[in-house]
Amino acid sequence: LFVLLKDPNTTKPRKLKILSLLPDMQAHGALPYLQDLIQDPELAEPAIVALASTGSDAIPLLTEVFQTYPESNIRAAAAKGLGEIGAHTGDPAITPPILNYLIENLTQINTSEDIDFPVLTEVVWSLGKLRDERSITPIEELEEKIWLIFDTSKQMATLRDATNWTHKMVDMDGQIQ
């Protein structure tokens, strides 16, 4: 499969199919192949999803993509991938970039137009999976802000659900200890 991913003659639909299979195969050796595919706009998002299946080795690359790529869907996929890896490995290296994104954006959120919904929603879901108590205060602040914004859109409803769930997950850890 890796040879087919690298082959320039392999069609995009076939590459997309291979990328969709990699997470189920937990292809830890796929990292070098997937790294190149992130540069292709049509394959970047599925390549990032597949990267999450490679485990902790993908954290530096996913963090770089999350912090530097301008496309919202790519950054959201990277945040989701980091959350998945964090949920499976408990690696603490994942929390700082995700948490910093939330903290930096909290000061700018006054209306719905100030929110990059795909990225912020995935960041919030990821923080819930990471369950780091440093995220309690920022999540509480976000929860308060988004409930004060009048917005009945599906995107806002999803962000509110993610924030509520994350608040429960992170706060639950504090009560158990």
N, C-alpha and C. Protein backbone atom coordinates (compact mmCIF):
# COMPACT_ATOMS: atom_id res chain seq x y z
N LEU A 1 0.82 -1.20 0.00
CA LEU A 1 0.00 0.00 0.00
C LEU A 1 0.86 1.26 0.00
N PHE A 2 1.97 1.19 0.73
CA PHE A 2 2.85 2.37 0.78
C PHE A 2 3.45 2.67 -0.59
N VAL A 3 3.79 1.61 -1.33
CA VAL A 3 4.36 1.78 -2.67
C VAL A 3 3.33 2.47 -3.56
N LEU A 4 2.06 2.06 -3.45
CA LEU A 4 1.01 2.68 -4.24
C LEU A 4 0.81 4.14 -3.86
N LEU A 5 0.93 4.46 -2.58
CA LEU A 5 0.80 5.85 -2.15
C LEU A 5 1.88 6.73 -2.76
N LYS A 6 3.09 6.20 -2.86
CA LYS A 6 4.22 6.96 -3.39
C LYS A 6 4.21 7.06 -4.92
N ASP A 7 3.59 6.09 -5.56
CA ASP A 7 3.61 6.02 -7.02
C ASP A 7 2.81 7.18 -7.64
N PRO A 8 3.45 8.00 -8.47
CA PRO A 8 2.74 9.12 -9.10
C PRO A 8 1.65 8.67 -10.08
N ASN A 9 1.70 7.42 -10.50
CA ASN A 9 0.69 6.90 -11.43
C ASN A 9 -0.57 6.41 -10.73
N THR A 10 -0.52 6.31 -9.42
CA THR A 10 -1.70 5.88 -8.67
C THR A 10 -2.72 7.01 -8.69
N THR A 11 -3.95 6.67 -9.02
CA THR A 11 -5.00 7.69 -9.13
C THR A 11 -5.38 8.24 -7.75
N LYS A 12 -5.93 9.44 -7.75
CA LYS A 12 -6.36 10.08 -6.49
C LYS A 12 -7.42 9.23 -5.78
N PRO A 13 -8.43 8.73 -6.50
CA PRO A 13 -9.43 7.90 -5.79
C PRO A 13 -8.81 6.67 -5.12
N ARG A 14 -7.83 6.08 -5.77
CA ARG A 14 -7.17 4.91 -5.16
C ARG A 14 -6.37 5.33 -3.94
N LYS A 15 -5.67 6.46 -4.02
CA LYS A 15 -4.93 6.96 -2.86
C LYS A 15 -5.87 7.28 -1.71
N LEU A 16 -7.02 7.87 -2.02
CA LEU A 16 -8.01 8.17 -0.98
C LEU A 16 -8.50 6.89 -0.31
N LYS A 17 -8.70 5.85 -1.09
CA LYS A 17 -9.14 4.57 -0.53
C LYS A 17 -8.06 3.98 0.37
N ILE A 18 -6.83 4.04 -0.06
CA ILE A 18 -5.72 3.53 0.76
C ILE A 18 -5.64 4.32 2.06
N LEU A 19 -5.75 5.63 1.96
CA LEU A 19 -5.70 6.47 3.16
C LEU A 19 -6.85 6.14 4.12
N SER A 20 -8.00 5.81 3.59
CA SER A 20 -9.13 5.47 4.45
C SER A 20 -8.92 4.13 5.16
N LEU A 21 -8.09 3.26 4.60
CA LEU A 21 -7.83 1.96 5.21
C LEU A 21 -6.73 2.00 6.27
N LEU A 22 -5.81 2.92 6.17
CA LEU A 22 -4.65 2.97 7.06
C LEU A 22 -5.02 3.07 8.55
N PRO A 23 -5.99 3.89 8.95
CA PRO A 23 -6.30 3.95 10.38
C PRO A 23 -6.76 2.61 10.96
N ASP A 24 -7.47 1.82 10.17
CA ASP A 24 -7.92 0.51 10.65
C ASP A 24 -6.76 -0.48 10.75
N MET A 25 -5.73 -0.25 9.96
CA MET A 25 -4.58 -1.15 9.95
C MET A 25 -3.54 -0.76 10.99
N GLN A 26 -3.69 0.41 11.60
CA GLN A 26 -2.71 0.95 12.54
C GLN A 26 -1.30 0.83 11.94
N ALA A 27 -1.16 1.46 10.79
CA ALA A 27 0.07 1.40 10.01
C ALA A 27 1.11 2.35 10.57
N HIS A 28 1.87 1.89 11.55
CA HIS A 28 2.86 2.74 12.20
C HIS A 28 4.01 3.13 11.27
N GLY A 29 4.25 2.37 10.23
CA GLY A 29 5.32 2.69 9.30
C GLY A 29 4.92 3.67 8.22
N ALA A 30 3.71 4.18 8.30
CA ALA A 30 3.19 5.05 7.24
C ALA A 30 3.64 6.50 7.34
N LEU A 31 4.23 6.88 8.46
CA LEU A 31 4.57 8.29 8.70
C LEU A 31 5.32 8.95 7.55
N PRO A 32 6.40 8.38 7.04
CA PRO A 32 7.12 9.08 5.96
C PRO A 32 6.28 9.24 4.69
N TYR A 33 5.41 8.29 4.42
CA TYR A 33 4.57 8.36 3.22
C TYR A 33 3.48 9.42 3.38
N LEU A 34 2.92 9.46 4.56
CA LEU A 34 1.84 10.40 4.83
C LEU A 34 2.35 11.84 4.89
N GLN A 35 3.56 12.01 5.34
CA GLN A 35 4.16 13.34 5.45
C GLN A 35 4.18 14.03 4.08
N ASP A 36 4.48 13.29 3.05
CA ASP A 36 4.51 13.87 1.69
C ASP A 36 3.10 14.18 1.19
N LEU A 37 2.13 13.35 1.55
CA LEU A 37 0.78 13.53 1.05
C LEU A 37 0.07 14.74 1.64
N ILE A 38 0.55 15.23 2.77
CA ILE A 38 -0.07 16.40 3.39
C ILE A 38 0.07 17.63 2.50
N GLN A 39 1.07 17.62 1.63
CA GLN A 39 1.29 18.76 0.73
C GLN A 39 0.25 18.83 -0.39
N ASP A 40 -0.44 17.73 -0.66
CA ASP A 40 -1.45 17.69 -1.72
C ASP A 40 -2.79 18.13 -1.14
N PRO A 41 -3.35 19.25 -1.63
CA PRO A 41 -4.60 19.77 -1.04
C PRO A 41 -5.76 18.77 -1.07
N GLU A 42 -5.81 17.90 -2.08
CA GLU A 42 -6.89 16.93 -2.18
C GLU A 42 -6.70 15.76 -1.21
N LEU A 43 -5.48 15.49 -0.82
CA LEU A 43 -5.20 14.34 0.03
C LEU A 43 -4.81 14.71 1.46
N ALA A 44 -4.65 15.99 1.73
CA ALA A 44 -4.13 16.43 3.03
C ALA A 44 -5.01 15.98 4.19
N GLU A 45 -6.30 16.22 4.09
CA GLU A 45 -7.18 15.89 5.22
C GLU A 45 -7.21 14.38 5.51
N PRO A 46 -7.43 13.52 4.50
CA PRO A 46 -7.39 12.08 4.80
C PRO A 46 -6.01 11.60 5.25
N ALA A 47 -4.95 12.24 4.76
CA ALA A 47 -3.61 11.87 5.20
C ALA A 47 -3.41 12.21 6.67
N ILE A 48 -3.96 13.32 7.11
CA ILE A 48 -3.85 13.72 8.52
C ILE A 48 -4.63 12.76 9.41
N VAL A 49 -5.81 12.36 8.95
CA VAL A 49 -6.61 11.38 9.71
C VAL A 49 -5.82 10.07 9.83
N ALA A 50 -5.19 9.65 8.75
CA ALA A 50 -4.39 8.43 8.78
C ALA A 50 -3.16 8.59 9.67
N LEU A 51 -2.60 9.80 9.72
CA LEU A 51 -1.43 10.06 10.57
C LEU A 51 -1.71 9.75 12.04
N ALA A 52 -2.92 10.01 12.48
CA ALA A 52 -3.26 9.76 13.88
C ALA A 52 -3.09 8.30 14.25
N SER A 53 -3.21 7.40 13.28
CA SER A 53 -3.06 5.97 13.56
C SER A 53 -1.61 5.54 13.71
N THR A 54 -0.67 6.45 13.41
CA THR A 54 0.74 6.08 13.53
C THR A 54 1.26 6.27 14.95
N GLY A 55 0.45 6.84 15.83
CA GLY A 55 0.83 6.97 17.24
C GLY A 55 1.66 8.20 17.54
N SER A 56 2.39 8.14 18.63
CA SER A 56 3.13 9.29 19.16
C SER A 56 4.16 9.86 18.19
N ASP A 57 4.63 9.04 17.26
CA ASP A 57 5.61 9.53 16.29
C ASP A 57 5.05 10.67 15.44
N ALA A 58 3.73 10.73 15.30
CA ALA A 58 3.10 11.74 14.46
C ALA A 58 2.86 13.06 15.20
N ILE A 59 3.07 13.11 16.50
CA ILE A 59 2.78 14.32 17.28
C ILE A 59 3.51 15.55 16.76
N PRO A 60 4.82 15.50 16.51
CA PRO A 60 5.49 16.72 16.01
C PRO A 60 4.93 17.21 14.68
N LEU A 61 4.65 16.30 13.76
CA LEU A 61 4.13 16.69 12.45
C LEU A 61 2.71 17.23 12.57
N LEU A 62 1.86 16.57 13.34
CA LEU A 62 0.49 17.06 13.53
C LEU A 62 0.48 18.41 14.24
N THR A 63 1.37 18.58 15.19
CA THR A 63 1.46 19.87 15.89
C THR A 63 1.87 20.97 14.93
N GLU A 64 2.85 20.68 14.08
CA GLU A 64 3.29 21.66 13.09
C GLU A 64 2.15 22.03 12.13
N VAL A 65 1.44 21.02 11.65
CA VAL A 65 0.31 21.27 10.74
C VAL A 65 -0.74 22.10 11.45
N PHE A 66 -1.06 21.75 12.70
CA PHE A 66 -2.06 22.47 13.46
C PHE A 66 -1.68 23.93 13.66
N GLN A 67 -0.43 24.18 13.91
CA GLN A 67 0.01 25.54 14.21
C GLN A 67 0.31 26.40 12.97
N THR A 68 0.55 25.79 11.82
CA THR A 68 1.02 26.57 10.68
C THR A 68 0.11 26.61 9.47
N TYR A 69 -0.72 25.61 9.28
CA TYR A 69 -1.54 25.58 8.07
C TYR A 69 -2.66 26.60 8.15
N PRO A 70 -2.91 27.32 7.06
CA PRO A 70 -3.97 28.33 7.10
C PRO A 70 -5.38 27.75 6.90
N GLU A 71 -5.48 26.57 6.27
CA GLU A 71 -6.80 26.01 5.96
C GLU A 71 -7.45 25.46 7.23
N SER A 72 -8.67 25.91 7.46
CA SER A 72 -9.41 25.54 8.67
C SER A 72 -9.64 24.02 8.76
N ASN A 73 -10.03 23.40 7.65
CA ASN A 73 -10.33 21.97 7.70
C ASN A 73 -9.08 21.14 7.98
N ILE A 74 -7.93 21.59 7.51
CA ILE A 74 -6.67 20.88 7.74
C ILE A 74 -6.27 21.03 9.21
N ARG A 75 -6.38 22.23 9.74
CA ARG A 75 -6.05 22.46 11.15
C ARG A 75 -6.99 21.68 12.06
N ALA A 76 -8.26 21.62 11.70
CA ALA A 76 -9.24 20.87 12.49
C ALA A 76 -8.90 19.39 12.48
N ALA A 77 -8.52 18.86 11.32
CA ALA A 77 -8.14 17.45 11.22
C ALA A 77 -6.90 17.17 12.06
N ALA A 78 -5.95 18.10 12.07
CA ALA A 78 -4.74 17.92 12.88
C ALA A 78 -5.08 17.94 14.37
N ALA A 79 -5.97 18.84 14.78
CA ALA A 79 -6.39 18.90 16.19
C ALA A 79 -7.09 17.60 16.59
N LYS A 80 -7.92 17.10 15.69
CA LYS A 80 -8.62 15.84 15.97
C LYS A 80 -7.62 14.69 16.08
N GLY A 81 -6.65 14.67 15.18
CA GLY A 81 -5.62 13.63 15.22
C GLY A 81 -4.83 13.68 16.50
N LEU A 82 -4.47 14.88 16.95
CA LEU A 82 -3.74 15.02 18.21
C LEU A 82 -4.59 14.51 19.38
N GLY A 83 -5.87 14.81 19.35
CA GLY A 83 -6.76 14.33 20.41
C GLY A 83 -6.87 12.82 20.42
N GLU A 84 -6.92 12.21 19.24
CA GLU A 84 -7.00 10.75 19.15
C GLU A 84 -5.73 10.11 19.70
N ILE A 85 -4.59 10.65 19.31
CA ILE A 85 -3.33 10.11 19.82
C ILE A 85 -3.27 10.28 21.33
N GLY A 86 -3.66 11.45 21.82
CA GLY A 86 -3.66 11.70 23.26
C GLY A 86 -4.56 10.75 24.02
N ALA A 87 -5.72 10.46 23.44
CA ALA A 87 -6.66 9.54 24.08
C ALA A 87 -6.09 8.13 24.19
N HIS A 88 -5.30 7.74 23.20
CA HIS A 88 -4.75 6.38 23.19
C HIS A 88 -3.42 6.25 23.92
N THR A 89 -2.65 7.33 23.94
CA THR A 89 -1.30 7.23 24.52
C THR A 89 -1.15 7.98 25.84
N GLY A 90 -1.97 9.00 26.05
CA GLY A 90 -1.82 9.84 27.24
C GLY A 90 -0.59 10.72 27.19
N ASP A 91 -0.03 10.91 26.01
CA ASP A 91 1.19 11.70 25.84
C ASP A 91 0.92 13.17 26.20
N PRO A 92 1.60 13.72 27.21
CA PRO A 92 1.35 15.09 27.64
C PRO A 92 1.85 16.16 26.67
N ALA A 93 2.63 15.79 25.67
CA ALA A 93 3.16 16.76 24.70
C ALA A 93 2.06 17.34 23.82
N ILE A 94 0.91 16.72 23.82
CA ILE A 94 -0.19 17.15 22.95
C ILE A 94 -0.92 18.35 23.54
N THR A 95 -1.03 18.42 24.84
CA THR A 95 -1.86 19.45 25.48
C THR A 95 -1.42 20.88 25.21
N PRO A 96 -0.15 21.25 25.34
CA PRO A 96 0.21 22.68 25.19
C PRO A 96 -0.24 23.35 23.90
N PRO A 97 -0.01 22.79 22.71
CA PRO A 97 -0.44 23.53 21.52
C PRO A 97 -1.96 23.67 21.42
N ILE A 98 -2.66 22.64 21.83
CA ILE A 98 -4.12 22.67 21.76
C ILE A 98 -4.67 23.68 22.78
N LEU A 99 -4.17 23.59 23.99
CA LEU A 99 -4.63 24.49 25.05
C LEU A 99 -4.26 25.94 24.75
N ASN A 100 -3.07 26.16 24.21
CA ASN A 100 -2.65 27.52 23.84
C ASN A 100 -3.57 28.12 22.79
N TYR A 101 -4.00 27.30 21.84
CA TYR A 101 -4.93 27.79 20.81
C TYR A 101 -6.21 28.30 21.47
N LEU A 102 -6.76 27.52 22.38
CA LEU A 102 -7.98 27.93 23.07
C LEU A 102 -7.78 29.21 23.85
N ILE A 103 -6.71 29.27 24.63
CA ILE A 103 -6.45 30.44 25.47
C ILE A 103 -6.27 31.70 24.62
N GLU A 104 -5.51 31.58 23.52
CA GLU A 104 -5.28 32.73 22.65
C GLU A 104 -6.56 33.22 22.00
N ASN A 105 -7.45 32.30 21.66
CA ASN A 105 -8.68 32.68 20.97
C ASN A 105 -9.77 33.17 21.91
N LEU A 106 -9.68 32.84 23.17
CA LEU A 106 -10.71 33.28 24.11
C LEU A 106 -10.84 34.80 24.17
N THR A 107 -9.73 35.49 24.08
CA THR A 107 -9.77 36.95 24.17
C THR A 107 -10.44 37.60 22.96
N GLN A 108 -10.51 36.87 21.85
CA GLN A 108 -11.05 37.42 20.61
C GLN A 108 -12.51 37.04 20.38
N ILE A 109 -13.06 36.16 21.18
CA ILE A 109 -14.42 35.69 20.95
C ILE A 109 -15.44 36.63 21.58
N ASN A 110 -16.17 37.33 20.72
CA ASN A 110 -17.26 38.19 21.16
C ASN A 110 -18.55 37.87 20.41
N THR A 111 -18.41 37.42 19.16
CA THR A 111 -19.56 37.05 18.34
C THR A 111 -19.24 35.75 17.61
N SER A 112 -20.21 35.20 16.93
CA SER A 112 -20.01 33.97 16.15
C SER A 112 -18.97 34.15 15.05
N GLU A 113 -18.90 35.37 14.51
CA GLU A 113 -17.94 35.64 13.44
C GLU A 113 -16.49 35.54 13.92
N ASP A 114 -16.28 35.60 15.21
CA ASP A 114 -14.93 35.52 15.77
C ASP A 114 -14.46 34.08 15.96
N ILE A 115 -15.30 33.13 15.65
CA ILE A 115 -15.00 31.72 15.93
C ILE A 115 -14.71 30.96 14.64
N ASP A 116 -13.59 30.27 14.61
CA ASP A 116 -13.30 29.32 13.54
C ASP A 116 -13.88 27.99 14.03
N PHE A 117 -15.14 27.75 13.72
CA PHE A 117 -15.88 26.63 14.31
C PHE A 117 -15.23 25.26 14.12
N PRO A 118 -14.78 24.90 12.90
CA PRO A 118 -14.19 23.56 12.77
C PRO A 118 -12.97 23.36 13.67
N VAL A 119 -12.09 24.36 13.71
CA VAL A 119 -10.86 24.22 14.50
C VAL A 119 -11.18 24.25 15.99
N LEU A 120 -11.92 25.24 16.44
CA LEU A 120 -12.20 25.36 17.86
C LEU A 120 -12.98 24.16 18.39
N THR A 121 -13.92 23.66 17.61
CA THR A 121 -14.69 22.50 18.05
C THR A 121 -13.78 21.28 18.22
N GLU A 122 -12.89 21.04 17.28
CA GLU A 122 -11.97 19.89 17.40
C GLU A 122 -10.98 20.10 18.55
N VAL A 123 -10.56 21.33 18.77
CA VAL A 123 -9.67 21.62 19.91
C VAL A 123 -10.38 21.27 21.21
N VAL A 124 -11.63 21.66 21.31
CA VAL A 124 -12.39 21.40 22.54
C VAL A 124 -12.60 19.90 22.74
N TRP A 125 -12.99 19.18 21.67
CA TRP A 125 -13.14 17.72 21.78
C TRP A 125 -11.82 17.08 22.22
N SER A 126 -10.72 17.54 21.63
CA SER A 126 -9.41 16.98 21.96
C SER A 126 -9.04 17.22 23.42
N LEU A 127 -9.33 18.42 23.92
CA LEU A 127 -9.05 18.70 25.33
C LEU A 127 -9.84 17.79 26.24
N GLY A 128 -11.04 17.45 25.84
CA GLY A 128 -11.83 16.50 26.63
C GLY A 128 -11.22 15.12 26.65
N LYS A 129 -10.63 14.72 25.54
CA LYS A 129 -9.97 13.41 25.47
C LYS A 129 -8.67 13.40 26.26
N LEU A 130 -7.99 14.55 26.30
CA LEU A 130 -6.71 14.65 26.99
C LEU A 130 -6.90 14.74 28.51
N ARG A 131 -8.01 15.34 28.92
CA ARG A 131 -8.41 15.41 30.32
C ARG A 131 -7.33 16.00 31.22
N ASP A 132 -6.77 17.10 30.78
CA ASP A 132 -5.74 17.80 31.54
C ASP A 132 -6.42 18.89 32.35
N GLU A 133 -6.19 18.91 33.65
CA GLU A 133 -6.90 19.86 34.50
C GLU A 133 -6.53 21.32 34.24
N ARG A 134 -5.43 21.57 33.52
CA ARG A 134 -5.08 22.95 33.15
C ARG A 134 -6.12 23.55 32.22
N SER A 135 -6.93 22.71 31.61
CA SER A 135 -7.92 23.22 30.66
C SER A 135 -9.26 23.57 31.33
N ILE A 136 -9.41 23.32 32.62
CA ILE A 136 -10.68 23.60 33.29
C ILE A 136 -11.07 25.07 33.18
N THR A 137 -10.20 25.97 33.58
CA THR A 137 -10.54 27.39 33.57
C THR A 137 -10.82 27.90 32.16
N PRO A 138 -9.97 27.62 31.15
CA PRO A 138 -10.29 28.09 29.79
C PRO A 138 -11.60 27.49 29.25
N ILE A 139 -11.87 26.24 29.56
CA ILE A 139 -13.11 25.62 29.09
C ILE A 139 -14.31 26.28 29.75
N GLU A 140 -14.20 26.58 31.04
CA GLU A 140 -15.30 27.27 31.72
C GLU A 140 -15.54 28.66 31.12
N GLU A 141 -14.45 29.34 30.80
CA GLU A 141 -14.57 30.68 30.19
C GLU A 141 -15.20 30.58 28.80
N LEU A 142 -14.78 29.59 28.03
CA LEU A 142 -15.36 29.39 26.70
C LEU A 142 -16.85 29.05 26.83
N GLU A 143 -17.17 28.20 27.76
CA GLU A 143 -18.56 27.80 27.95
C GLU A 143 -19.44 29.01 28.23
N GLU A 144 -18.97 29.89 29.09
CA GLU A 144 -19.72 31.09 29.41
C GLU A 144 -19.88 31.98 28.18
N LYS A 145 -18.80 32.17 27.42
CA LYS A 145 -18.85 33.05 26.25
C LYS A 145 -19.81 32.52 25.18
N ILE A 146 -19.72 31.23 24.88
CA ILE A 146 -20.54 30.73 23.77
C ILE A 146 -22.02 30.65 24.12
N TRP A 147 -22.33 30.55 25.39
CA TRP A 147 -23.75 30.55 25.76
C TRP A 147 -24.32 31.96 25.79
N LEU A 148 -23.48 32.97 25.86
CA LEU A 148 -23.95 34.35 25.83
C LEU A 148 -24.12 34.90 24.41
N ILE A 149 -23.56 34.18 23.44
CA ILE A 149 -23.69 34.59 22.04
C ILE A 149 -25.00 34.02 21.49
N PHE A 150 -25.83 34.90 20.94
CA PHE A 150 -27.07 34.41 20.33
C PHE A 150 -26.73 33.84 18.96
N ASP A 151 -26.81 32.52 18.88
CA ASP A 151 -26.51 31.82 17.64
C ASP A 151 -27.17 30.46 17.72
N THR A 152 -28.06 30.18 16.81
CA THR A 152 -28.77 28.90 16.81
C THR A 152 -28.28 27.98 15.70
N SER A 153 -27.10 28.26 15.16
CA SER A 153 -26.58 27.46 14.05
C SER A 153 -26.15 26.08 14.54
N LYS A 154 -26.05 25.16 13.59
CA LYS A 154 -25.60 23.80 13.89
C LYS A 154 -24.15 23.82 14.39
N GLN A 155 -23.33 24.70 13.82
CA GLN A 155 -21.93 24.79 14.24
C GLN A 155 -21.83 25.21 15.70
N MET A 156 -22.63 26.18 16.10
CA MET A 156 -22.59 26.63 17.49
C MET A 156 -23.14 25.54 18.41
N ALA A 157 -24.18 24.85 17.99
CA ALA A 157 -24.73 23.77 18.80
C ALA A 157 -23.68 22.68 19.01
N THR A 158 -22.93 22.36 17.98
CA THR A 158 -21.88 21.35 18.10
C THR A 158 -20.77 21.82 19.03
N LEU A 159 -20.38 23.09 18.91
CA LEU A 159 -19.35 23.64 19.80
C LEU A 159 -19.84 23.62 21.25
N ARG A 160 -21.08 23.99 21.47
CA ARG A 160 -21.64 23.96 22.83
C ARG A 160 -21.65 22.54 23.39
N ASP A 161 -22.04 21.56 22.56
CA ASP A 161 -22.03 20.16 23.01
C ASP A 161 -20.61 19.72 23.37
N ALA A 162 -19.66 20.07 22.50
CA ALA A 162 -18.26 19.70 22.76
C ALA A 162 -17.76 20.33 24.05
N THR A 163 -18.10 21.59 24.26
CA THR A 163 -17.65 22.30 25.45
C THR A 163 -18.27 21.71 26.71
N ASN A 164 -19.55 21.41 26.67
CA ASN A 164 -20.21 20.80 27.83
C ASN A 164 -19.59 19.45 28.17
N TRP A 165 -19.39 18.62 27.14
CA TRP A 165 -18.81 17.29 27.35
C TRP A 165 -17.38 17.40 27.90
N THR A 166 -16.60 18.29 27.31
CA THR A 166 -15.21 18.46 27.76
C THR A 166 -15.17 18.95 29.20
N HIS A 167 -16.03 19.89 29.54
CA HIS A 167 -16.06 20.39 30.91
C HIS A 167 -16.36 19.25 31.88
N LYS A 168 -17.28 18.39 31.53
CA LYS A 168 -17.61 17.24 32.38
C LYS A 168 -16.44 16.27 32.48
N MET A 169 -15.78 16.00 31.36
CA MET A 169 -14.67 15.04 31.36
C MET A 169 -13.50 15.54 32.20
N VAL A 170 -13.17 16.80 32.04
CA VAL A 170 -12.02 17.35 32.75
C VAL A 170 -12.35 17.53 34.23
N ASP A 171 -13.52 18.03 34.53
CA ASP A 171 -13.93 18.24 35.92
C ASP A 171 -14.12 16.92 36.65
N MET A 172 -14.55 15.88 35.94
CA MET A 172 -14.74 14.58 36.54
C MET A 172 -13.41 14.05 37.09
N ASP A 173 -12.33 14.29 36.37
CA ASP A 173 -11.03 13.85 36.85
C ASP A 173 -10.69 14.50 38.19
N GLY A 174 -11.00 15.78 38.33
CA GLY A 174 -10.71 16.48 39.57
C GLY A 174 -11.51 15.92 40.74
N GLN A 175 -12.72 15.47 40.51
CA GLN A 175 -13.56 14.94 41.56
C GLN A 175 -13.17 13.52 41.94
N ILE A 176 -12.61 12.78 41.00
CA ILE A 176 -12.19 11.41 41.29
C ILE A 176 -10.95 11.39 42.15
N GLN A 177 -10.03 12.31 41.89
CA GLN A 177 -8.78 12.32 42.64
C GLN A 177 -9.06 12.78 44.00
